[in-house]
């Protein structure tokens, strides 16, 4: 009996030792297989086969579920595939096990950086560098974030000559500073120089005026959600002797996919007619926009706007456009060379409660029947008032990258439109001038169009000049415009 128990115990010891040896062999084999899969994943990643690399790393993780190296490599591949939530889940898991994992902090900072959560990105990059000062990825990421925060400035001049008859020159500039990567403060200032080309205006000589202005604004973005808020306040010192406070606010929120919604309200000055020199002309408005900015090159917007003018007149406008890419060749990066082109279509409806189109002068000449025929010259006093206006335009836009950062843009549109226009009467009479002038509306068709060109030329690192010129024409307004803007970073 004792011999049987001794023999059974000996056999059990032999079986257990054999099982342990087999288990150790299996573990060693799994570790070797996991290492092979890690090497395979590295090789596939180097070749750009991200899907294959992901499969290899996942297999390595199956063979070694506790492998931090496999989870970290998988997180890197998920980042490259733009699967940011999956990558961040793995990285948070790693950091929960070891808060001093500098590589995980760097990868997490990269994910935040690429998705717009710049404050979080800067924090993670700094943590990675505190743990390992030599980490190049974290250092480079933090430098890029700081570069986006460099102060920016613009100095610009604009000259517009139109048929109101009216000339406007604008000289101004702005300075943008960041209090953090997602909050920008902008200080602006300048002056409008206005000139009327009418021989007589309100019974007097041609006039000119200077209207200085100053503005402060702040724009804040709220992480990767693409939500943002812009606020600005503006002071305009009108030549008419009054100083008016302008300003506004804009809220930007994601609307699904590549769309975002914007709600804006504010008050702004109007300097588009000669008579606007004589009084404080401004509009208070509210606008709702839906904006498309697609990575594939599609652009579009639909908006509705309500206007209330300083003299209690009211107006409304609805407009939309859509641009689709038709050609894309070469390197589309700003530093490179390439060509892109878009075709598009736009439509709009505008209306104002009351017309502000007034007779500026009237002349009479003797007609064939012995009486007098009258010719009227009118202008918009003091701002343009479209009435029941509809228009549709076709759009063509082109952009060339000419190398070394030089960019050339050409664009134009052409269409058809109709509106209710004001005509003055009477057309004829027995006297050299009419005793009284009245205005009546009638429908008219016209062909609006617009053409322009813009050239951007880098001068030195962080400094460039943008030149723009264009001409536009519609039923009420024909204008030539040219501008030059110096843009740079400190």
Protein backbone atom coordinates (compact mmCIF):
# COMPACT_ATOMS: atom_id res chain seq x y z
CA UNK A 1 0.00 0.00 0.00
CA UNK A 2 2.76 2.41 0.91
CA UNK A 3 4.67 1.38 -2.18
CA UNK A 4 1.67 2.14 -4.41
CA UNK A 5 1.28 5.62 -2.87
CA UNK A 6 5.00 6.27 -3.30
CA UNK A 7 4.90 5.21 -6.94
CA UNK A 8 1.80 7.33 -7.66
CA UNK A 9 3.39 10.38 -6.04
CA UNK A 10 6.53 9.90 -8.08
CA UNK A 11 4.52 9.64 -11.28
CA UNK A 12 2.60 12.85 -10.38
CA UNK A 13 5.88 14.69 -9.85
CA UNK A 14 7.09 13.50 -13.25
CA UNK A 15 3.83 14.63 -14.97
CA UNK A 16 3.89 18.06 -13.29
CA UNK A 17 7.51 18.59 -14.24
CA UNK A 18 6.78 17.61 -17.81
CA UNK A 19 3.74 19.96 -17.96
CA UNK A 20 5.79 22.85 -16.58
CA UNK A 21 8.53 22.25 -19.12
CA UNK A 22 5.93 22.20 -21.93
CA UNK A 23 4.37 25.44 -20.65
CA UNK A 24 7.74 27.13 -20.58
CA UNK A 25 8.35 26.01 -24.14
CA UNK A 26 4.95 27.37 -25.23
CA UNK A 27 5.64 30.74 -23.51
CA UNK A 28 9.01 31.04 -25.13
CA UNK A 29 7.46 30.25 -28.51
CA UNK A 30 4.70 32.86 -28.07
CA UNK A 31 7.25 35.51 -27.14
CA UNK A 32 9.30 34.69 -30.21
CA UNK A 33 6.19 34.83 -32.40
CA UNK A 34 5.15 38.15 -30.86
CA UNK A 35 8.61 39.56 -31.56
CA UNK A 36 8.38 38.34 -35.15
CA UNK A 37 4.98 40.00 -35.58
CA UNK A 38 6.34 43.24 -34.13
CA UNK A 39 9.18 43.19 -36.63
CA UNK A 40 6.73 42.44 -39.44
CA UNK A 41 4.55 45.34 -38.33
CA UNK A 42 7.56 47.66 -38.32
CA UNK A 43 8.53 46.55 -41.84
CA UNK A 44 4.99 47.01 -43.21
CA UNK A 45 4.68 50.43 -41.58
CA UNK A 46 7.96 51.51 -43.17
CA UNK A 47 6.55 50.50 -46.57
CA UNK A 48 3.35 52.50 -45.98
CA UNK A 49 1.09 49.43 -45.58
CA UNK A 50 -0.75 50.72 -42.53
CA UNK A 51 -3.54 48.14 -42.65
CA UNK A 52 -1.01 45.31 -42.80
CA UNK A 53 1.02 46.83 -39.98
CA UNK A 54 -2.13 47.12 -37.86
CA UNK A 55 -2.90 43.41 -38.37
CA UNK A 56 0.66 42.46 -37.40
CA UNK A 57 0.63 44.57 -34.24
CA UNK A 58 -2.77 43.22 -33.23
CA UNK A 59 -1.48 39.68 -33.64
CA UNK A 60 1.55 40.58 -31.52
CA UNK A 61 -0.84 41.95 -28.92
CA UNK A 62 -2.88 38.74 -29.00
CA UNK A 63 0.24 36.73 -28.34
CA UNK A 64 1.37 39.14 -25.60
CA UNK A 65 -1.68 40.98 -24.22
CA UNK A 66 0.38 42.90 -21.66
CA UNK A 67 2.94 44.14 -24.20
CA UNK A 68 3.24 47.91 -23.88
CA UNK A 69 5.43 47.98 -26.95
CA UNK A 70 2.70 46.37 -29.08
CA UNK A 71 -0.02 48.70 -27.76
CA UNK A 72 2.18 51.73 -28.34
CA UNK A 73 3.02 50.67 -31.90
CA UNK A 74 -0.66 50.00 -32.59
CA UNK A 75 -1.59 53.45 -31.25
CA UNK A 76 0.93 55.01 -33.64
CA UNK A 77 -0.59 53.18 -36.62
CA UNK A 78 -4.11 54.20 -35.59
CA UNK A 79 -2.95 57.83 -35.47
CA UNK A 80 -1.56 57.58 -38.98
CA UNK A 81 -4.89 56.15 -40.10
CA UNK A 82 -6.67 59.14 -38.48
CA UNK A 83 -8.53 56.87 -36.08
CA UNK A 84 -7.90 59.25 -33.22
CA UNK A 85 -10.42 58.02 -30.60
CA UNK A 86 -9.11 54.43 -30.89
CA UNK A 87 -5.51 55.62 -30.59
CA UNK A 88 -6.27 57.80 -27.59
CA UNK A 89 -8.06 54.94 -25.81
CA UNK A 90 -4.92 52.81 -26.06
CA UNK A 91 -2.68 55.67 -24.96
CA UNK A 92 -4.84 56.50 -21.94
CA UNK A 93 -4.68 52.82 -21.01
CA UNK A 94 -0.89 52.89 -21.20
CA UNK A 95 -0.64 56.07 -19.16
CA UNK A 96 -2.99 54.62 -16.57
CA UNK A 97 -0.44 51.85 -16.05
CA UNK A 98 2.60 54.12 -16.21
CA UNK A 99 2.12 57.90 -16.01
CA UNK A 100 5.83 58.37 -16.76
CA UNK A 101 5.60 56.84 -20.25
CA UNK A 102 7.08 59.73 -22.24
CA UNK A 103 6.42 58.10 -25.61
CA UNK A 104 2.71 57.71 -24.79
CA UNK A 105 2.50 61.37 -23.74
CA UNK A 106 4.12 62.36 -27.05
CA UNK A 107 1.71 60.25 -29.11
CA UNK A 108 -1.27 61.56 -27.15
CA UNK A 109 -0.06 65.11 -27.73
CA UNK A 110 0.22 64.35 -31.45
CA UNK A 111 -3.37 63.11 -31.56
CA UNK A 112 -4.59 66.26 -29.80
CA UNK A 113 -2.50 68.43 -32.13
CA UNK A 114 -3.83 66.82 -35.30
CA UNK A 115 -7.43 67.13 -34.15
CA UNK A 116 -7.27 70.75 -33.00
CA UNK A 117 -7.15 70.28 -29.21
CA UNK A 118 -4.06 72.47 -29.09
CA UNK A 119 -4.11 73.30 -25.39
CA UNK A 120 -4.14 69.61 -24.49
CA UNK A 121 -1.48 68.92 -27.12
CA UNK A 122 0.89 71.49 -25.61
CA UNK A 123 0.37 70.01 -22.15
CA UNK A 124 1.17 66.47 -23.32
CA UNK A 125 4.24 67.57 -25.30
CA UNK A 126 5.57 69.40 -22.24
CA UNK A 127 5.00 66.32 -20.05
CA UNK A 128 6.89 64.15 -22.55
CA UNK A 129 9.83 66.59 -22.57
CA UNK A 130 9.87 66.83 -18.78
CA UNK A 131 10.25 63.05 -18.65
CA UNK A 132 12.65 62.75 -21.59
CA UNK A 133 14.10 66.10 -22.73
CA UNK A 134 15.51 64.53 -25.88
CA UNK A 135 12.20 63.45 -27.43
CA UNK A 136 12.32 64.98 -30.92
CA UNK A 137 8.63 64.48 -31.77
CA UNK A 138 7.44 66.32 -28.68
CA UNK A 139 9.98 69.10 -29.18
CA UNK A 140 8.97 69.56 -32.82
CA UNK A 141 5.25 69.48 -31.97
CA UNK A 142 5.67 72.11 -29.29
CA UNK A 143 7.70 74.29 -31.66
CA UNK A 144 4.96 74.06 -34.30
CA UNK A 145 2.35 75.03 -31.74
CA UNK A 146 4.45 77.99 -30.67
CA UNK A 147 4.89 78.95 -34.32
CA UNK A 148 1.12 79.21 -34.73
CA UNK A 149 1.15 81.63 -31.81
CA UNK A 150 3.71 83.98 -33.32
CA UNK A 151 2.38 87.54 -33.67
CA UNK A 152 1.02 88.24 -37.17
CA UNK A 153 0.50 91.56 -38.88
CA UNK A 154 -0.91 92.99 -42.08
CA UNK A 155 -0.55 96.42 -43.68
CA UNK A 156 -2.94 97.07 -46.54
CA UNK A 157 -4.10 99.71 -48.94
CA UNK A 158 -7.17 99.61 -51.16
CA UNK A 159 -8.44 101.92 -53.87
CA UNK A 160 -11.96 101.65 -55.30
CA UNK A 161 -13.34 103.84 -58.07
CA UNK A 162 -16.98 103.47 -59.04
CA UNK A 163 -19.80 105.11 -60.93
CA UNK A 164 -21.83 106.44 -57.99
CA UNK A 165 -19.70 108.65 -58.67
CA UNK A 166 -17.45 107.96 -55.75
CA UNK A 167 -13.85 107.06 -54.88
CA UNK A 168 -12.71 105.33 -51.73
CA UNK A 169 -9.19 104.67 -50.50
CA UNK A 170 -8.54 102.61 -47.41
CA UNK A 171 -5.28 102.44 -45.49
CA UNK A 172 -5.14 100.12 -42.52
CA UNK A 173 -3.40 97.38 -40.65
CA UNK A 174 -3.84 94.85 -37.90
CA UNK A 175 -1.79 92.96 -35.33
CA UNK A 176 -2.77 89.51 -34.03
CA UNK A 177 -1.47 88.12 -30.73
CA UNK A 178 -2.22 84.81 -29.00
CA UNK A 179 -2.84 84.36 -25.29
CA UNK A 180 -2.87 80.58 -25.91
CA UNK A 181 -2.88 78.38 -29.03
CA UNK A 182 -6.65 78.66 -29.48
CA UNK A 183 -7.26 82.29 -28.47
CA UNK A 184 -6.23 85.16 -30.76
CA UNK A 185 -6.50 88.89 -30.10
CA UNK A 186 -6.49 91.31 -33.04
CA UNK A 187 -5.96 95.07 -32.94
CA UNK A 188 -6.89 96.97 -36.10
CA UNK A 189 -6.88 100.57 -37.23
CA UNK A 190 -6.86 102.78 -40.27
CA UNK A 191 -8.71 105.42 -42.21
CA UNK A 192 -11.13 105.71 -45.12
CA UNK A 193 -10.41 108.54 -47.54
CA UNK A 194 -13.62 109.34 -49.41
CA UNK A 195 -14.17 111.60 -52.39
CA UNK A 196 -17.21 112.57 -54.42
CA UNK A 197 -16.75 113.23 -58.14
CA UNK A 198 -20.14 114.92 -58.60
CA UNK A 199 -19.86 118.46 -60.09
CA UNK A 200 -22.32 119.56 -57.46
CA UNK A 201 -23.58 117.71 -54.47
CA UNK A 202 -26.55 119.02 -52.52
CA UNK A 203 -25.95 122.41 -54.14
CA UNK A 204 -22.30 122.54 -53.10
CA UNK A 205 -18.83 121.73 -54.43
CA UNK A 206 -17.37 118.23 -54.69
CA UNK A 207 -16.53 116.90 -51.25
CA UNK A 208 -13.91 114.76 -49.60
CA UNK A 209 -13.55 113.33 -46.12
CA UNK A 210 -11.35 111.16 -43.93
CA UNK A 211 -12.96 108.66 -41.57
CA UNK A 212 -10.62 106.97 -39.05
CA UNK A 213 -11.51 103.74 -37.27
CA UNK A 214 -10.11 101.41 -34.62
CA UNK A 215 -11.09 97.88 -33.65
CA UNK A 216 -10.29 95.19 -31.11
CA UNK A 217 -11.36 91.59 -31.56
CA UNK A 218 -10.89 88.19 -29.98
CA UNK A 219 -11.40 84.76 -31.51
CA UNK A 220 -11.48 81.56 -29.48
CA UNK A 221 -11.73 77.95 -30.61
CA UNK A 222 -12.88 75.20 -28.28
CA UNK A 223 -10.72 72.19 -29.00
CA UNK A 224 -11.31 69.61 -31.67
CA UNK A 225 -15.07 70.19 -31.88
CA UNK A 226 -14.51 73.04 -34.40
CA UNK A 227 -16.70 75.24 -32.19
CA UNK A 228 -15.51 78.82 -31.99
CA UNK A 229 -16.56 82.30 -30.92
CA UNK A 230 -15.44 85.63 -32.39
CA UNK A 231 -16.15 89.01 -30.80
CA UNK A 232 -15.15 92.45 -32.02
CA UNK A 233 -15.74 96.11 -31.14
CA UNK A 234 -15.13 98.97 -33.55
CA UNK A 235 -15.17 102.76 -33.26
CA UNK A 236 -15.76 104.86 -36.40
CA UNK A 237 -15.28 108.63 -36.36
CA UNK A 238 -17.60 109.86 -39.11
CA UNK A 239 -16.83 113.02 -41.03
CA UNK A 240 -20.38 114.13 -40.27
CA UNK A 241 -19.24 114.86 -36.73
CA UNK A 242 -20.44 111.78 -34.87
CA UNK A 243 -18.50 108.85 -33.43
CA UNK A 244 -20.34 105.55 -33.68
CA UNK A 245 -19.72 102.25 -31.90
CA UNK A 246 -19.80 99.21 -34.19
CA UNK A 247 -19.07 95.57 -33.47
CA UNK A 248 -20.44 92.09 -33.55
CA UNK A 249 -20.24 88.44 -32.59
CA UNK A 250 -19.98 85.19 -34.50
CA UNK A 251 -20.56 81.66 -33.21
CA UNK A 252 -19.23 78.70 -35.22
CA UNK A 253 -20.42 75.16 -34.52
CA UNK A 254 -19.99 71.85 -36.40
CA UNK A 255 -23.05 70.82 -38.40
CA UNK A 256 -22.06 67.30 -39.41
CA UNK A 257 -19.46 66.07 -41.87
CA UNK A 258 -17.56 68.92 -43.48
CA UNK A 259 -20.33 71.43 -42.74
CA UNK A 260 -20.36 74.06 -40.05
CA UNK A 261 -23.05 76.51 -38.98
CA UNK A 262 -22.34 80.15 -38.20
CA UNK A 263 -24.56 82.68 -36.47
CA UNK A 264 -23.46 86.30 -36.69
CA UNK A 265 -24.92 89.60 -35.58
CA UNK A 266 -23.48 93.08 -35.50
CA UNK A 267 -23.35 96.63 -36.77
CA UNK A 268 -21.05 97.88 -39.54
CA UNK A 269 -20.41 101.12 -41.42
CA UNK A 270 -21.46 101.60 -45.05
CA UNK A 271 -19.21 103.56 -47.41
CA UNK A 272 -20.45 102.75 -50.88
CA UNK A 273 -22.08 106.00 -51.99
CA UNK A 274 -20.88 109.57 -52.17
CA UNK A 275 -23.61 110.82 -49.87
CA UNK A 276 -22.41 108.48 -47.11
CA UNK A 277 -19.70 111.07 -46.48
CA UNK A 278 -22.30 113.49 -45.16
CA UNK A 279 -23.86 111.36 -42.43
CA UNK A 280 -23.27 108.33 -40.21
CA UNK A 281 -24.44 105.51 -42.48
CA UNK A 282 -24.48 102.02 -40.97
CA UNK A 283 -26.46 98.79 -40.91
CA UNK A 284 -27.39 96.48 -38.04
CA UNK A 285 -27.64 92.90 -39.22
CA UNK A 286 -28.15 89.30 -38.26
CA UNK A 287 -27.03 86.38 -40.42
CA UNK A 288 -27.21 82.60 -40.37
CA UNK A 289 -24.77 80.65 -42.56
CA UNK A 290 -24.14 77.00 -43.41
CA UNK A 291 -20.59 76.57 -44.71
CA UNK A 292 -18.97 73.66 -46.55
CA UNK A 293 -15.18 73.30 -46.53
CA UNK A 294 -14.36 69.82 -47.77
CA UNK A 295 -10.92 68.22 -47.78
CA UNK A 296 -11.57 67.04 -51.36
CA UNK A 297 -11.83 70.65 -52.56
CA UNK A 298 -15.58 71.30 -52.44
CA UNK A 299 -16.64 74.69 -51.12
CA UNK A 300 -20.07 76.12 -50.53
CA UNK A 301 -22.26 78.32 -48.40
CA UNK A 302 -25.93 79.08 -47.88
CA UNK A 303 -26.96 82.14 -45.87
CA UNK A 304 -29.90 84.25 -44.82
CA UNK A 305 -29.42 87.84 -43.66
CA UNK A 306 -31.62 90.51 -42.13
CA UNK A 307 -30.65 94.21 -42.31
CA UNK A 308 -31.93 97.25 -40.43
CA UNK A 309 -30.40 100.52 -41.61
CA UNK A 310 -29.72 103.64 -39.57
CA UNK A 311 -32.84 105.33 -41.01
CA UNK A 312 -35.19 102.46 -40.00
CA UNK A 313 -35.37 100.99 -43.50
CA UNK A 314 -35.18 97.20 -43.52
CA UNK A 315 -33.92 94.59 -45.96
CA UNK A 316 -33.29 90.88 -46.31
CA UNK A 317 -31.07 88.68 -48.42
CA UNK A 318 -30.73 84.98 -49.16
CA UNK A 319 -27.78 83.59 -51.09
CA UNK A 320 -25.95 80.33 -51.79
CA UNK A 321 -23.05 79.04 -53.84
CA UNK A 322 -21.33 75.72 -54.48
CA UNK A 323 -17.87 75.16 -55.97
CA UNK A 324 -16.70 71.75 -57.18
CA UNK A 325 -13.10 70.84 -58.16
CA UNK A 326 -12.61 69.95 -61.84
CA UNK A 327 -8.81 69.87 -62.20
CA UNK A 328 -6.04 69.14 -59.73
CA UNK A 329 -2.47 68.57 -60.87
CA UNK A 330 0.93 68.66 -59.23
CA UNK A 331 1.71 69.44 -55.63
CA UNK A 332 -1.13 71.38 -54.01
CA UNK A 333 0.97 72.52 -51.06
CA UNK A 334 1.56 76.22 -50.90
CA UNK A 335 5.32 75.74 -51.13
CA UNK A 336 5.04 73.59 -54.25
CA UNK A 337 3.80 73.83 -57.80
CA UNK A 338 0.47 72.73 -59.19
CA UNK A 339 -2.79 73.80 -60.76
CA UNK A 340 -6.36 73.57 -59.51
CA UNK A 341 -9.63 74.74 -60.98
CA UNK A 342 -13.23 74.87 -59.79
CA UNK A 343 -16.61 75.37 -61.43
CA UNK A 344 -19.53 76.65 -59.47
CA UNK A 345 -22.92 78.26 -59.42
CA UNK A 346 -24.47 80.90 -57.16
CA UNK A 347 -27.90 82.33 -56.59
CA UNK A 348 -29.29 85.19 -54.52
CA UNK A 349 -32.45 87.05 -53.61
CA UNK A 350 -32.35 90.56 -52.06
CA UNK A 351 -35.09 92.96 -51.11
CA UNK A 352 -35.47 96.28 -49.26
CA UNK A 353 -38.66 97.83 -47.93
CA UNK A 354 -38.09 101.33 -49.33
CA UNK A 355 -35.96 102.64 -52.19
CA UNK A 356 -33.23 105.18 -51.50
CA UNK A 357 -32.63 106.04 -55.14
CA UNK A 358 -32.88 109.84 -55.55
CA UNK A 359 -32.62 112.22 -58.53
CA UNK A 360 -29.27 114.00 -58.48
CA UNK A 361 -29.92 116.23 -61.49
CA UNK A 362 -32.38 116.76 -64.33
CA UNK A 363 -31.88 118.46 -67.68
CA UNK A 364 -34.44 119.43 -70.28
CA UNK A 365 -33.98 119.71 -74.02
CA UNK A 366 -36.50 120.80 -76.59
CA UNK A 367 -38.38 117.96 -78.21
CA UNK A 368 -39.74 117.64 -81.71
CA UNK A 369 -43.28 118.47 -80.60
CA UNK A 370 -42.36 121.87 -79.20
CA UNK A 371 -42.22 120.78 -75.55
CA UNK A 372 -39.28 119.55 -73.48
CA UNK A 373 -37.91 116.06 -72.86
CA UNK A 374 -36.29 115.42 -69.49
CA UNK A 375 -33.13 113.42 -68.69
CA UNK A 376 -32.54 112.34 -65.10
CA UNK A 377 -29.35 111.40 -63.27
CA UNK A 378 -29.96 109.45 -60.07
CA UNK A 379 -27.86 107.99 -57.29
CA UNK A 380 -28.37 105.88 -54.20
CA UNK A 381 -28.76 108.20 -51.25
CA UNK A 382 -27.23 107.16 -48.95
CA UNK A 383 -26.95 103.38 -49.59
CA UNK A 384 -27.95 100.78 -52.15
CA UNK A 385 -31.52 99.47 -51.84
CA UNK A 386 -32.17 96.35 -53.96
CA UNK A 387 -35.86 95.64 -54.45
CA UNK A 388 -37.15 92.18 -55.37
CA UNK A 389 -33.79 91.31 -56.89
CA UNK A 390 -32.94 87.77 -58.02
CA UNK A 391 -29.78 86.58 -59.72
CA UNK A 392 -28.01 83.41 -60.85
CA UNK A 393 -24.33 83.28 -61.79
CA UNK A 394 -21.85 80.73 -63.08
CA UNK A 395 -18.41 80.77 -61.47
CA UNK A 396 -14.93 79.76 -62.63
CA UNK A 397 -11.90 79.87 -60.32
CA UNK A 398 -8.29 78.82 -60.96
CA UNK A 399 -5.19 78.65 -58.79
CA UNK A 400 -1.56 78.07 -59.74
CA UNK A 401 1.27 77.15 -57.41
CA UNK A 402 4.28 78.58 -59.24
CA UNK A 403 6.90 77.26 -56.85
CA UNK A 404 8.77 78.81 -53.91
CA UNK A 405 5.49 79.86 -52.34
CA UNK A 406 4.28 82.02 -55.24
CA UNK A 407 0.54 81.65 -55.83
CA UNK A 408 -1.65 83.08 -58.59
CA UNK A 409 -5.45 83.05 -58.47
CA UNK A 410 -7.86 84.02 -61.24
CA UNK A 411 -11.61 84.02 -60.97
CA UNK A 412 -14.79 85.41 -62.35
CA UNK A 413 -18.52 84.97 -62.61
CA UNK A 414 -21.26 85.94 -65.01
CA UNK A 415 -25.01 85.62 -64.82
CA UNK A 416 -28.49 86.97 -65.27
CA UNK A 417 -30.62 88.96 -62.86
CA UNK A 418 -33.79 90.97 -62.51
CA UNK A 419 -34.95 93.62 -60.05
CA UNK A 420 -37.47 96.39 -59.50
CA UNK A 421 -35.78 99.65 -60.48
CA UNK A 422 -36.83 103.23 -59.84
CA UNK A 423 -37.59 105.44 -62.85
CA UNK A 424 -38.22 109.18 -62.56
CA UNK A 425 -41.06 111.07 -64.19
CA UNK A 426 -42.43 113.04 -65.93
CA UNK A 427 -40.58 112.17 -69.13
CA UNK A 428 -41.60 115.43 -70.84
CA UNK A 429 -43.44 118.68 -70.26
CA UNK A 430 -44.11 122.17 -71.48
CA UNK A 431 -41.48 123.82 -69.23
CA UNK A 432 -37.65 123.55 -69.47
CA UNK A 433 -37.62 121.69 -66.14
CA UNK A 434 -40.35 119.63 -64.48
CA UNK A 435 -42.28 121.23 -61.68
CA UNK A 436 -42.15 118.06 -59.55
CA UNK A 437 -40.26 114.77 -59.88
CA UNK A 438 -41.76 111.44 -58.85
CA UNK A 439 -40.33 107.93 -58.86
CA UNK A 440 -42.02 104.73 -59.98
CA UNK A 441 -40.72 101.16 -60.03
CA UNK A 442 -40.42 98.91 -63.04
CA UNK A 443 -38.84 95.52 -63.62
CA UNK A 444 -35.51 95.39 -65.45
CA UNK A 445 -33.13 92.61 -66.49
CA UNK A 446 -29.35 92.89 -66.51
CA UNK A 447 -26.18 90.79 -66.74
CA UNK A 448 -24.01 91.00 -63.61
CA UNK A 449 -20.39 89.93 -63.82
CA UNK A 450 -17.15 90.10 -61.89
CA UNK A 451 -13.50 89.29 -62.65
CA UNK A 452 -10.38 89.44 -60.53
CA UNK A 453 -6.82 88.27 -60.03
CA UNK A 454 -4.66 87.80 -56.93
CA UNK A 455 -0.92 87.20 -56.67
CA UNK A 456 0.92 86.21 -53.50
CA UNK A 457 4.72 86.51 -53.45
CA UNK A 458 6.88 85.58 -50.43
CA UNK A 459 9.56 88.18 -49.77
CA UNK A 460 11.48 86.59 -46.90
CA UNK A 461 10.71 83.88 -44.37
CA UNK A 462 7.49 84.89 -42.67
CA UNK A 463 6.90 87.91 -44.91
CA UNK A 464 4.97 88.22 -48.17
CA UNK A 465 2.89 90.56 -50.29
CA UNK A 466 -0.59 89.95 -51.73
CA UNK A 467 -1.73 91.97 -54.76
CA UNK A 468 -5.33 92.01 -55.94
CA UNK A 469 -7.22 93.70 -58.74
CA UNK A 470 -10.74 93.34 -60.05
CA UNK A 471 -13.70 94.82 -61.85
CA UNK A 472 -17.38 94.24 -61.19
CA UNK A 473 -20.64 95.38 -62.70
CA UNK A 474 -24.31 94.92 -62.03
CA UNK A 475 -27.44 97.00 -62.42
CA UNK A 476 -26.58 99.68 -59.88
CA UNK A 477 -22.83 99.55 -59.36
CA UNK A 478 -19.74 99.41 -61.53
CA UNK A 479 -16.38 99.52 -59.79
CA UNK A 480 -12.66 98.97 -60.29
CA UNK A 481 -10.68 97.87 -57.26
CA UNK A 482 -7.00 97.34 -56.57
CA UNK A 483 -5.31 96.47 -53.29
CA UNK A 484 -1.92 95.54 -51.85
CA UNK A 485 -1.35 93.81 -48.53
CA UNK A 486 1.87 93.08 -46.69
CA UNK A 487 1.50 90.02 -44.45
CA UNK A 488 4.01 88.65 -42.01
CA UNK A 489 4.95 87.08 -38.70
CA UNK A 490 7.37 88.32 -36.09
